[in-house]
Protein backbone atom coordinates (compact mmCIF):
# COMPACT_ATOMS: atom_id res chain seq x y z
CA MET A 1 0.00 0.00 0.00
CA ILE A 2 1.45 3.39 -0.94
CA ASN A 3 1.57 6.22 1.53
CA SER A 4 -0.80 9.12 1.00
CA TRP A 5 1.88 11.57 2.19
CA ILE A 6 4.94 11.95 -0.01
CA SER A 7 8.13 13.98 0.17
CA PRO A 8 7.96 17.78 0.26
CA ASN A 9 8.59 19.61 -3.00
CA TYR A 10 9.78 23.22 -2.73
CA ASN A 11 8.69 23.22 0.93
CA GLN A 12 5.21 22.12 -0.14
CA LEU A 13 3.89 18.90 1.36
CA LEU A 14 2.10 16.99 -1.39
CA MET A 15 -0.58 14.33 -1.08
CA ARG A 16 -2.46 11.87 -3.24
CA GLN A 17 -6.20 12.20 -3.75
CA TRP A 18 -7.77 8.76 -3.22
CA TYR A 19 -11.20 7.24 -3.65
CA ILE A 20 -12.59 3.74 -3.05
CA LYS A 21 -14.64 1.93 -5.70
CA ASN A 22 -15.48 -1.75 -5.94
CA ASP A 23 -13.48 -2.43 -2.78
CA LYS A 24 -10.26 -1.08 -4.27
CA ILE A 25 -8.41 2.14 -3.60
CA HIS A 26 -7.90 4.35 -6.62
CA ASP A 27 -5.55 7.28 -7.12
CA LEU A 28 -6.54 10.27 -9.26
CA GLY A 29 -2.95 10.25 -10.46
CA VAL A 30 -1.93 13.71 -9.37
CA GLU A 31 0.00 15.14 -6.47
CA VAL A 32 -1.93 17.86 -4.69
CA PRO A 33 -0.98 20.31 -1.91
CA TYR A 34 -4.47 20.06 -0.40
CA LEU A 35 -7.35 17.63 -0.67
CA GLY A 36 -10.89 18.29 -1.79
CA ILE A 37 -12.68 20.74 -4.03
CA PRO A 38 -13.48 24.47 -3.79
CA TYR A 39 -16.78 25.13 -2.04
CA ASP A 40 -17.67 27.66 -4.75
CA GLN A 41 -18.02 24.78 -7.20
CA ILE A 42 -20.69 23.24 -4.97
CA LYS A 43 -22.50 26.55 -4.39
CA ASN A 44 -22.55 27.14 -8.15
CA ASN A 45 -24.02 23.65 -8.71
CA ASN A 46 -21.00 22.52 -10.72
CA ILE A 47 -20.54 19.48 -8.47
CA GLU A 48 -23.32 17.31 -7.06
CA THR A 49 -23.77 16.64 -3.36
CA LEU A 50 -26.29 14.47 -1.53
CA PRO A 51 -29.83 15.29 -2.66
CA GLU A 52 -32.29 16.96 -0.34
CA ASN A 53 -34.04 14.44 1.94
CA TYR A 54 -31.44 11.79 1.05
CA ASP A 55 -32.58 8.41 2.36
CA GLY A 56 -29.87 6.11 1.02
CA TRP A 57 -26.70 4.61 2.45
CA PHE A 58 -23.64 6.63 3.38
CA PRO A 59 -20.67 4.23 3.73
CA PHE A 60 -17.72 6.20 5.08
CA MET A 61 -14.09 5.32 5.83
CA ARG A 62 -11.37 7.34 7.53
CA MET A 63 -7.90 7.04 6.01
CA CYS A 64 -5.92 7.86 9.21
CA TYR A 65 -6.33 6.17 12.61
CA SER A 66 -4.79 8.00 15.53
CA ILE A 67 -7.22 8.93 18.31
CA GLY A 68 -7.11 12.53 17.10
CA ASP A 69 -7.64 11.56 13.46
CA LEU A 70 -10.79 9.69 14.41
CA ALA A 71 -11.96 12.23 16.97
CA ILE A 72 -12.00 15.23 14.65
CA ILE A 73 -14.41 13.51 12.23
CA SER A 74 -16.52 11.74 14.88
CA GLY A 75 -19.18 14.46 14.89
CA ILE A 76 -20.13 14.11 11.24
CA PHE A 77 -22.44 11.13 11.76
CA GLU A 78 -24.83 12.85 14.15
CA ALA A 79 -24.63 16.00 11.99
CA LEU A 80 -25.57 14.01 8.88
CA LYS A 81 -28.51 12.44 10.69
CA THR A 82 -29.64 15.92 11.73
CA LYS A 83 -29.68 17.27 8.16
CA TYR A 84 -30.73 14.01 6.50
CA PRO A 85 -32.95 12.18 9.05
CA LYS A 86 -33.48 9.20 6.73
CA ILE A 87 -29.82 8.65 5.84
CA LYS A 88 -28.27 5.28 6.76
CA ILE A 89 -24.62 5.40 7.82
CA ALA A 90 -22.12 2.55 7.52
CA TRP A 91 -18.62 2.24 8.98
CA PRO A 92 -15.99 -0.31 7.82
CA SER A 93 -15.07 -3.42 9.74
CA ASN A 94 -11.44 -3.74 10.78
CA GLU A 95 -11.12 -6.50 8.18
CA TYR A 96 -12.31 -4.10 5.49
CA ILE A 97 -9.80 -1.45 6.57
CA ASP A 98 -7.00 -4.03 6.28
CA HIS A 99 -8.35 -5.11 2.88
CA ILE A 100 -8.24 -1.55 1.56
CA LEU A 101 -5.07 -0.19 3.15
CA GLY A 102 -3.11 -3.40 3.49
CA GLU A 103 -2.60 -5.74 6.44
CA GLY A 104 -0.72 -3.92 9.18
CA TYR A 105 -0.77 -0.52 7.44
CA ILE A 106 -2.69 1.25 10.20
CA SER A 107 -0.27 -0.01 12.88
CA ARG A 108 1.70 3.20 12.18
CA TRP A 109 -0.89 4.85 14.43
CA ASP A 110 -0.31 2.45 17.35
CA TYR A 111 0.68 4.18 20.60
CA ASN A 112 1.76 1.01 22.39
CA LYS A 113 0.73 -2.65 22.53
CA ASP A 114 -2.44 -1.76 24.44
CA VAL A 115 -3.42 1.40 22.57
CA THR A 116 -3.42 0.50 18.90
CA ALA A 117 -5.05 1.95 15.82
CA LYS A 118 -7.77 -0.69 16.08
CA THR A 119 -8.46 0.02 19.74
CA ASN A 120 -8.58 3.69 18.76
CA ILE A 121 -11.50 2.88 16.49
CA GLU A 122 -13.42 1.30 19.35
CA THR A 123 -12.47 4.17 21.66
CA ILE A 124 -13.93 6.84 19.40
CA ILE A 125 -16.49 5.06 17.21
CA GLY A 126 -17.72 2.45 19.69
CA ASN A 127 -21.32 2.66 20.90
CA ASN A 128 -22.19 5.28 18.28
CA PRO A 129 -25.99 5.18 17.83
CA HIS A 130 -25.82 6.97 14.47
CA ILE A 131 -23.90 4.18 12.71
CA ASP A 132 -26.40 1.73 11.28
CA LYS A 133 -24.11 -0.92 9.83
CA ILE A 134 -20.55 -2.23 9.92
CA PHE A 135 -19.75 -3.02 6.31
CA ASN A 136 -17.47 -5.55 4.66
CA VAL A 137 -16.12 -6.40 1.23
CA GLY A 138 -18.90 -6.55 -1.34
CA ASP A 139 -21.45 -4.48 0.58
CA PHE A 140 -21.10 -1.22 -1.38
CA ASP A 141 -19.75 -0.20 -4.79
CA LEU A 142 -18.57 3.24 -3.66
CA ILE A 143 -17.15 4.23 -0.28
CA PHE A 144 -16.89 7.87 0.80
CA THR A 145 -13.74 8.91 2.67
CA ASP A 146 -12.27 11.93 4.41
CA HIS A 147 -10.59 12.76 1.10
CA ASP A 148 -14.09 13.83 0.04
CA ARG A 149 -14.01 17.36 1.42
CA SER A 150 -14.60 20.94 0.32
CA TYR A 151 -12.58 23.98 1.38
CA THR A 152 -13.90 27.55 1.46
CA SER A 153 -10.59 29.24 0.69
CA LEU A 154 -6.85 28.74 0.22
CA ILE A 155 -4.05 30.26 2.25
CA HIS A 156 -0.68 31.21 0.76
CA ASP A 157 1.71 30.51 3.61
CA GLY A 158 5.15 31.44 2.31
CA GLU A 159 5.90 29.02 -0.52
CA MET A 160 3.16 26.68 0.73
CA VAL A 161 -0.45 26.76 -0.45
CA ARG A 162 -2.98 25.02 1.79
CA SER A 163 -6.66 24.93 2.56
CA CYS A 164 -8.00 27.20 5.27
CA ASP A 165 -8.08 26.41 8.99
CA GLU A 166 -11.62 25.03 8.89
CA PRO A 167 -12.22 21.81 10.85
CA LEU A 168 -12.05 18.68 8.72
CA ALA A 169 -15.52 17.66 9.91
CA GLU A 170 -16.97 20.84 8.44
CA GLN A 171 -15.07 20.39 5.17
CA ILE A 172 -16.43 16.85 4.82
CA LEU A 173 -19.98 18.00 5.55
CA ARG A 174 -19.72 20.80 2.99
CA ARG A 175 -18.82 18.21 0.37
CA PHE A 176 -22.04 16.36 1.14
CA GLY A 177 -24.48 19.25 0.94
CA PHE A 178 -24.07 21.31 4.10
CA THR A 179 -24.55 25.03 3.56
CA ASP A 180 -22.90 27.84 5.51
CA GLU A 181 -26.09 28.03 7.58
CA ASP A 182 -25.97 24.27 8.25
CA ILE A 183 -22.34 24.51 9.37
CA LYS A 184 -23.29 27.31 11.75
CA ASN A 185 -26.39 25.65 13.22
CA ILE A 186 -25.63 21.90 13.21
CA ASP A 187 -23.03 20.78 15.72
CA SER A 188 -20.23 18.70 14.22
CA LYS A 189 -17.72 18.86 17.07
CA PRO A 190 -16.27 15.53 18.28
CA LYS A 191 -18.75 13.05 19.71
CA VAL A 192 -18.00 10.01 21.88
CA TYR A 193 -21.04 8.04 23.06
CA PHE A 194 -20.64 6.47 26.47
CA THR A 195 -22.31 3.43 27.98
CA ASP A 196 -24.39 3.75 31.14
CA GLU A 197 -21.68 1.82 32.99
CA GLU A 198 -18.97 4.24 31.85
CA ILE A 199 -21.09 7.24 32.85
CA ASP A 200 -21.88 5.86 36.30
CA LYS A 201 -18.26 4.92 36.97
CA CYS A 202 -16.88 8.29 35.90
CA ASN A 203 -19.51 10.30 37.76
CA ASN A 204 -18.63 8.37 40.91
CA ILE A 205 -14.93 9.14 40.43
CA ILE A 206 -15.67 12.83 39.94
CA GLU A 207 -17.87 12.84 43.05
CA GLU A 208 -15.22 11.02 45.09
CA HIS A 209 -12.31 13.28 44.14
CA ILE A 210 -13.97 16.61 43.37
CA GLY A 211 -17.48 16.65 44.79
CA ASN A 212 -19.66 19.41 43.34
CA PHE A 213 -16.75 21.78 42.68
CA ASP A 214 -15.34 22.86 39.32
CA TYR A 215 -12.28 21.01 38.07
CA GLY A 216 -9.97 21.03 35.08
CA CYS A 217 -7.75 18.64 33.14
CA LEU A 218 -4.13 18.81 32.05
CA LEU A 219 -2.42 16.77 29.32
CA PHE A 220 1.35 16.75 28.82
CA ALA A 221 2.05 13.83 26.50
CA GLY A 222 2.68 13.01 22.86
CA ARG A 223 2.18 9.93 20.70
CA LEU A 224 5.13 10.61 18.39
CA GLU A 225 8.60 10.07 19.82
CA GLN A 226 9.75 13.67 19.20
CA PHE A 227 6.81 14.99 21.21
CA LYS A 228 7.20 12.85 24.32
CA GLY A 229 8.32 14.44 27.59
CA ARG A 230 8.24 18.14 28.42
CA TRP A 231 8.11 20.75 25.65
CA GLU A 232 10.37 23.73 26.28
CA ASN A 233 7.66 26.05 24.95
CA ASP A 234 4.95 25.02 27.40
CA TYR A 235 5.43 28.35 29.19
CA LEU A 236 3.18 29.69 26.41
CA LEU A 237 0.29 28.03 28.24
CA PHE A 238 0.97 29.77 31.55
CA ASN A 239 -1.27 32.81 30.98
CA ASP A 240 -4.29 30.62 30.35
CA ALA A 241 -3.36 28.34 33.24
CA LYS A 242 -3.13 31.25 35.69
CA LYS A 243 -6.82 32.02 35.13
CA PHE A 244 -7.64 28.69 36.79
CA SER A 245 -4.95 28.57 39.48
CA ASN A 246 -5.63 26.29 42.44
CA THR A 247 -8.51 24.53 40.69
CA PRO A 248 -8.30 20.76 41.25
CA VAL A 249 -7.27 18.92 38.09
CA PHE A 250 -7.11 15.47 36.62
CA VAL A 251 -3.81 15.08 34.81
CA TYR A 252 -1.95 12.81 32.44
CA SER A 253 1.73 13.67 32.03
CA GLN A 254 4.79 11.97 30.61
CA TYR A 255 7.02 13.93 33.00
CA ASP A 256 6.94 14.66 36.72
CA LEU A 257 5.09 17.90 37.48
CA ASN A 258 6.46 18.16 41.02
CA ASN A 259 8.54 21.31 41.58
CA THR A 260 7.52 22.80 38.22
CA GLU A 261 5.36 25.81 37.43
CA TRP A 262 2.45 23.43 36.94
CA ASP A 263 2.89 22.25 40.51
CA ASN A 264 2.49 25.87 41.65
CA PHE A 265 -0.56 26.51 39.46
CA PHE A 266 -2.33 23.25 40.31
CA PRO A 267 -1.15 21.67 43.57
CA ASN A 268 -4.32 19.55 43.86
CA ARG A 269 -3.81 16.93 41.13
CA ILE A 270 -5.42 13.55 40.48
CA SER A 271 -3.44 11.26 38.18
CA PHE A 272 -5.39 9.52 35.42
CA ALA A 273 -2.65 6.87 35.32
CA GLU A 274 -3.08 6.04 39.01
CA LEU A 275 -6.85 5.76 38.58
CA GLY A 276 -6.36 3.10 35.93
CA LEU A 277 -9.11 4.46 33.68
CA SER A 278 -9.67 3.54 30.06
CA ILE A 279 -9.14 6.27 27.47
CA ARG A 280 -12.91 6.49 26.96
CA GLU A 281 -13.37 7.07 30.68
CA GLN A 282 -10.68 9.74 30.64
CA ILE A 283 -12.44 11.43 27.72
CA TYR A 284 -15.71 11.50 29.67
CA ILE A 285 -14.05 13.18 32.66
CA LYS A 286 -12.18 15.64 30.43
CA GLN A 287 -15.36 16.49 28.53
CA LYS A 288 -17.16 17.37 31.78
CA SER A 289 -14.37 19.60 33.09
CA LYS A 290 -14.32 23.40 33.21
CA PHE A 291 -11.11 23.56 31.18
CA ASN A 292 -8.54 21.43 29.36
CA ILE A 293 -5.01 22.82 29.03
CA GLY A 294 -1.96 21.09 27.61
CA TYR A 295 -0.24 19.76 24.54
CA GLN A 296 -2.32 19.21 21.43
CA GLY A 297 -3.38 15.58 21.46
CA GLY A 298 -6.07 13.24 20.27
CA VAL A 299 -7.58 12.60 23.70
CA THR A 300 -8.08 16.34 24.17
CA GLU A 301 -9.58 16.70 20.67
CA ALA A 302 -11.94 13.84 21.50
CA SER A 303 -13.01 15.70 24.64
CA SER A 304 -13.81 18.91 22.77
CA GLY A 305 -17.47 18.21 22.15
CA GLY A 306 -18.72 19.68 25.42
CA THR A 307 -18.55 23.10 27.04
CA SER A 308 -15.03 22.80 28.48
CA LYS A 309 -12.60 25.59 27.56
CA MET A 310 -9.97 23.95 25.36
CA VAL A 311 -6.43 25.37 25.15
CA SER A 312 -3.78 23.40 23.28
CA LEU A 313 -0.13 24.07 22.54
CA CYS A 314 0.41 23.10 18.90
CA PRO A 315 3.90 21.95 17.79
CA TYR A 316 3.21 22.67 14.10
CA LYS A 317 3.44 25.98 12.22
CA THR A 318 -0.23 25.83 11.23
CA ILE A 319 -3.27 23.93 12.44
CA ARG A 320 -4.74 23.31 8.94
CA GLU A 321 -7.92 21.22 9.11
CA ASN A 322 -6.78 19.22 12.16
CA CYS A 323 -8.77 21.33 14.59
CA VAL A 324 -12.04 21.65 16.46
CA ARG A 325 -14.42 24.59 16.37
CA GLY A 326 -14.21 26.71 19.53
CA SER A 327 -10.78 25.45 20.62
CA LYS A 328 -7.80 27.74 21.18
CA TYR A 329 -4.47 26.75 19.66
CA ILE A 330 -1.18 28.35 20.72
CA PHE A 331 1.86 28.06 18.44
CA PHE A 332 5.56 28.02 19.21
CA ASN A 333 5.98 31.44 17.49
CA LYS A 334 3.81 32.89 20.31
CA THR A 335 0.75 33.43 18.13
CA SER A 336 -2.60 31.87 18.90
CA LYS A 337 -5.86 31.19 17.14
CA VAL A 338 -9.39 30.36 18.25
CA ILE A 339 -11.06 28.31 15.54
C-alpha cells in the first residue's frame, strides 16, 4: 500500500487524492498540496452533493487512525442524521480497513501494545448510535472517505499553499451538501457516546475526588517520539493556566510535574494513570471539566465536544484542518488562534 503523504517539494507537502470503488483504492494520479474541491463549485451547482431528503446509504471510511484523526471527524455522523434524518450510515469493519489499506498498514498509528489503531477505532467510534451498519467487502460499490471534502478558501503561507483552517468535519460535511447556515447551526464537534456503565463509573470518580466543585484537566504527553516528555515552549500556556490557578485537576503527564510551574498553578492533582481508567473514561471526565489545558493531542480533541474551555499548545506551524471549532491553539511562534 502506498503512503498518501509523499516527500515535500519546494517546501510544499504533497498528497495523493484517493477514492474507493469496488473495494479497491484508486488514485486520481496527481500530487496535490491540499485535498478536496473548492466550495464555490458546490455553491454554483458545478458538483453534485447528496440530494435533499437523502434516504440512502452513506458508507464512510477514515484514512488515518490516531485517536485525534478519528476524533475530529466523529461528529459528522450525528450531523448528517440531523440534516438528513433518513440517511443510513455505515462504517468499515477492521477487516475491510485491512483489505483496503493493506494488512498492518494502520499499525503506524499504534501508541503502544495496548493502545493501537484498532483500539482507537473502538475508543472513538464504539457505541455510536448513528452508525447503522458495519460493512465488509462486497457491501457497497462506492465508499466515501475523508478525502471527500470541500474547502472555502486557500491560504498562501510562504511558498506553501494550503486549505483554510476550517475543521475537517466541516469540510467533509460541505462536500455532502451542508450550507454555511448548516455549518453554523448543526453541531459537528467531536462526539463520543458512552455506555451507562462508563457514565456511572466516571460520575462516581468525579464525586469522590472533586465533589460538586469545578475542576480542570491537564495533558502533557505526545504519541510521536519527538513529542514525548516536556516541551520547552509550554510556558506559552501559563497565561491561560493562571486564570484557573488552584482549581483541582485530573492530569496525564509523561514527565513529573512536582517542583515545576504546573505544581504551583495546580497543587491539587489527580493522576489519570493512578486511577487506571480507560481512554474512553478519561475522555468522559475531560469532557465534563471546566477547562482542558496542555499539549495538542487526540484525547483532548476527542473531549472537545462539550462546554469545556480547550487550550492546546500546537507543535506545528499551522493547524490546517486538524482542529475543532471553539478550541484555542497556541503556536511556538507565540501566536494563537481560536477556531
